[in-house]
């Protein structure tokens, strides 16, 4: 992993974020909550080109790896996600 990647990993370790907060951020990007199965909330964003689905666990703390995967699946960059947290 590059040093740039390590910086992101360290940055994501430095704070905790809840599933509800992740959903708020994704909603700002056009994702809509479509359904829930147990503690997992499914969001979808449709465009003319494609349809993206993301599953967010409704937990008090999202694991770092889970958060990074949610960001990847949403098509966002880590930088953009971090900007929307504030």
Protein backbone atom coordinates (compact mmCIF):
# COMPACT_ATOMS: atom_id res chain seq x y z
CA UNK A 1 0.00 0.00 0.00
CA UNK A 2 1.27 3.48 -0.77
CA UNK A 3 1.93 6.08 1.86
CA UNK A 4 -1.12 7.96 0.57
CA UNK A 5 -3.26 4.90 1.27
CA UNK A 6 -1.81 4.59 4.76
CA UNK A 7 -2.72 8.21 5.48
CA UNK A 8 -6.35 7.48 4.58
CA UNK A 9 -6.38 4.36 6.72
CA UNK A 10 -4.99 6.32 9.67
CA UNK A 11 -7.49 9.10 9.09
CA UNK A 12 -10.42 6.69 9.11
CA UNK A 13 -9.14 5.09 12.32
CA UNK A 14 -9.06 8.50 14.01
CA UNK A 15 -12.86 8.82 14.23
CA UNK A 16 -15.98 6.72 14.49
CA UNK A 17 -19.11 7.16 12.46
CA UNK A 18 -22.54 5.62 12.87
CA UNK A 19 -24.66 3.99 10.22
CA UNK A 20 -27.20 6.81 10.47
CA UNK A 21 -24.46 9.39 9.79
CA UNK A 22 -23.29 7.41 6.74
CA UNK A 23 -26.88 7.35 5.46
CA UNK A 24 -27.15 11.14 5.87
CA UNK A 25 -23.96 11.62 3.86
CA UNK A 26 -25.08 9.24 1.11
CA UNK A 27 -28.48 10.98 0.99
CA UNK A 28 -26.68 14.26 0.22
CA UNK A 29 -25.26 12.47 -2.84
CA UNK A 30 -28.66 11.37 -4.13
CA UNK A 31 -29.01 7.94 -2.50
CA UNK A 32 -32.49 7.02 -1.32
CA UNK A 33 -33.36 4.53 1.41
CA UNK A 34 -35.38 1.81 -0.31
CA UNK A 35 -35.73 -0.85 2.36
CA UNK A 36 -34.33 -2.41 5.50
CA UNK A 37 -33.60 -6.01 6.39
CA UNK A 38 -32.74 -6.46 10.04
CA UNK A 39 -30.09 -3.93 10.97
CA UNK A 40 -29.03 -3.35 7.35
CA UNK A 41 -30.41 -0.41 5.40
CA UNK A 42 -30.34 -0.55 1.60
CA UNK A 43 -29.90 2.68 -0.35
CA UNK A 44 -30.12 3.11 -4.12
CA UNK A 45 -29.04 5.86 -6.50
CA UNK A 46 -30.33 5.72 -10.05
CA UNK A 47 -28.99 7.67 -12.99
CA UNK A 48 -29.41 7.41 -16.74
CA UNK A 49 -26.19 5.40 -16.98
CA UNK A 50 -26.52 3.01 -14.06
CA UNK A 51 -28.03 2.07 -10.73
CA UNK A 52 -25.90 1.82 -7.59
CA UNK A 53 -26.93 0.02 -4.45
CA UNK A 54 -25.26 0.29 -1.07
CA UNK A 55 -25.95 -1.62 2.14
CA UNK A 56 -25.28 0.28 5.36
CA UNK A 57 -25.37 -1.49 8.73
CA UNK A 58 -27.40 0.50 11.24
CA UNK A 59 -24.74 0.25 13.95
CA UNK A 60 -23.42 2.81 16.43
CA UNK A 61 -19.94 2.38 14.93
CA UNK A 62 -19.11 1.31 11.39
CA UNK A 63 -15.88 -0.68 11.04
CA UNK A 64 -13.13 0.97 9.00
CA UNK A 65 -13.14 -1.73 6.31
CA UNK A 66 -16.93 -1.63 6.03
CA UNK A 67 -16.87 2.15 5.68
CA UNK A 68 -14.22 2.03 2.97
CA UNK A 69 -16.27 -0.56 1.06
CA UNK A 70 -19.44 1.56 1.36
CA UNK A 71 -17.53 4.53 -0.07
CA UNK A 72 -16.18 2.38 -2.92
CA UNK A 73 -19.61 0.95 -3.76
CA UNK A 74 -21.18 4.41 -3.74
CA UNK A 75 -18.71 5.63 -6.36
CA UNK A 76 -17.52 8.45 -4.11
CA UNK A 77 -13.93 9.26 -3.36
CA UNK A 78 -12.62 9.17 0.19
CA UNK A 79 -11.85 12.88 -0.09
CA UNK A 80 -15.43 13.76 -1.06
CA UNK A 81 -16.84 11.59 1.71
CA UNK A 82 -14.62 13.25 4.30
CA UNK A 83 -15.68 16.71 3.11
CA UNK A 84 -19.34 15.81 3.60
CA UNK A 85 -18.78 14.68 7.19
CA UNK A 86 -18.19 18.25 8.33
